[in-house]
Amino acid sequence: MIVKAKEIAPDKEFNKLNKAMLMECCENVIANENAKDMSTDSMMLAALSALQVCQGMMKGLISGLIPQAGDIVNLTYRGETYTFDKNSPILN
């Protein structure tokens, strides 16, 4: 999936968190009852669009929590723990 995503969006960075979010987006697209009628490229575009929404939501969540959490936020997502501070790249 990551290889196909890089073909469609070659400038997109896929760090560990982005990969986990993309996997979830792909799972959601595949679970949709209309997926059987979609091409692989259409499903990947849907997943990448969903990823854009997820990234915006994650950025807002983290930037909102940092001031309340003492400048560091630990987030467990899909079994992995990520640590963010006010200088984390996700917030740029």
Protein backbone atom coordinates (compact mmCIF):
# COMPACT_ATOMS: atom_id res chain seq x y z
CA MET A 1 0.00 0.00 0.00
CA ILE A 2 2.79 2.42 0.85
CA VAL A 3 4.45 1.74 -2.52
CA LYS A 4 1.18 2.44 -4.36
CA ALA A 5 0.60 5.55 -2.25
CA LYS A 6 4.08 6.84 -3.15
CA GLU A 7 3.27 6.31 -6.83
CA ILE A 8 0.13 8.43 -6.48
CA ALA A 9 1.61 11.00 -4.07
CA PRO A 10 5.42 10.94 -4.54
CA ASP A 11 6.00 14.07 -2.42
CA LYS A 12 4.16 12.63 0.61
CA GLU A 13 6.27 11.65 3.62
CA PHE A 14 5.38 8.36 5.25
CA ASN A 15 6.89 8.23 8.71
CA LYS A 16 5.79 5.54 11.16
CA LEU A 17 2.72 7.45 12.34
CA ASN A 18 1.67 8.33 8.79
CA LYS A 19 2.02 4.67 7.79
CA ALA A 20 -0.20 3.60 10.70
CA MET A 21 -2.81 6.22 9.82
CA LEU A 22 -2.67 5.26 6.13
CA MET A 23 -3.16 1.59 7.01
CA GLU A 24 -6.27 2.49 9.00
CA CYS A 25 -7.57 4.65 6.15
CA CYS A 26 -6.99 1.79 3.68
CA GLU A 27 -8.79 -0.65 5.99
CA ASN A 28 -11.75 1.71 6.16
CA VAL A 29 -11.90 2.12 2.38
CA ILE A 30 -11.70 -1.64 1.83
CA ALA A 31 -14.43 -2.22 4.44
CA ASN A 32 -16.79 0.07 2.53
CA GLU A 33 -19.45 -1.91 0.67
CA ASN A 34 -18.76 0.11 -2.51
CA ALA A 35 -15.05 -0.86 -2.55
CA LYS A 36 -15.71 -3.86 -4.78
CA ASP A 37 -16.73 -1.45 -7.57
CA MET A 38 -13.64 0.78 -7.19
CA SER A 39 -10.32 0.50 -8.99
CA THR A 40 -7.14 0.18 -6.93
CA ASP A 41 -6.16 3.74 -7.86
CA SER A 42 -9.57 5.05 -6.77
CA MET A 43 -9.28 3.23 -3.44
CA MET A 44 -5.79 4.65 -2.89
CA LEU A 45 -6.98 8.17 -3.71
CA ALA A 46 -9.83 7.71 -1.22
CA ALA A 47 -7.36 6.46 1.41
CA LEU A 48 -4.94 9.34 0.75
CA SER A 49 -7.81 11.84 1.00
CA ALA A 50 -8.83 10.28 4.31
CA LEU A 51 -5.20 10.45 5.44
CA GLN A 52 -5.15 14.20 4.78
CA VAL A 53 -8.18 14.59 7.05
CA CYS A 54 -6.61 12.36 9.73
CA GLN A 55 -3.36 14.33 9.65
CA GLY A 56 -5.22 17.61 10.14
CA MET A 57 -7.19 16.13 13.01
CA MET A 58 -4.04 14.69 14.61
CA LYS A 59 -2.20 18.02 14.27
CA GLY A 60 -5.10 19.85 15.93
CA LEU A 61 -5.37 17.28 18.69
CA ILE A 62 -1.66 17.33 19.51
CA SER A 63 -1.28 21.10 19.32
CA GLY A 64 -4.31 21.49 21.58
CA LEU A 65 -3.00 19.01 24.14
CA ILE A 66 0.61 20.18 24.39
CA PRO A 67 -0.09 23.37 26.40
CA GLN A 68 -2.29 21.40 28.81
CA ALA A 69 0.08 18.44 29.16
CA GLY A 70 3.24 20.28 30.15
CA ASP A 71 4.83 20.60 26.70
CA ILE A 72 5.00 16.85 25.95
CA VAL A 73 2.24 14.55 24.73
CA ASN A 74 2.49 10.76 24.58
CA LEU A 75 0.04 9.20 22.16
CA THR A 76 -0.61 5.49 21.77
CA TYR A 77 -2.06 4.72 18.35
CA ARG A 78 -2.53 1.23 16.93
CA GLY A 79 -0.24 -0.27 19.56
CA GLU A 80 2.66 2.17 19.10
CA THR A 81 3.51 5.07 21.39
CA TYR A 82 4.58 8.40 19.92
CA THR A 83 5.97 11.37 21.84
CA PHE A 84 5.36 14.91 20.66
CA ASP A 85 6.48 18.32 21.86
CA LYS A 86 5.92 21.84 20.55
CA ASN A 87 8.77 21.36 18.03
CA SER A 88 7.52 18.09 16.56
CA PRO A 89 7.44 18.05 12.73
CA ILE A 90 3.75 17.05 12.71
CA LEU A 91 2.93 20.51 14.04
CA ASN A 92 4.68 22.38 11.21
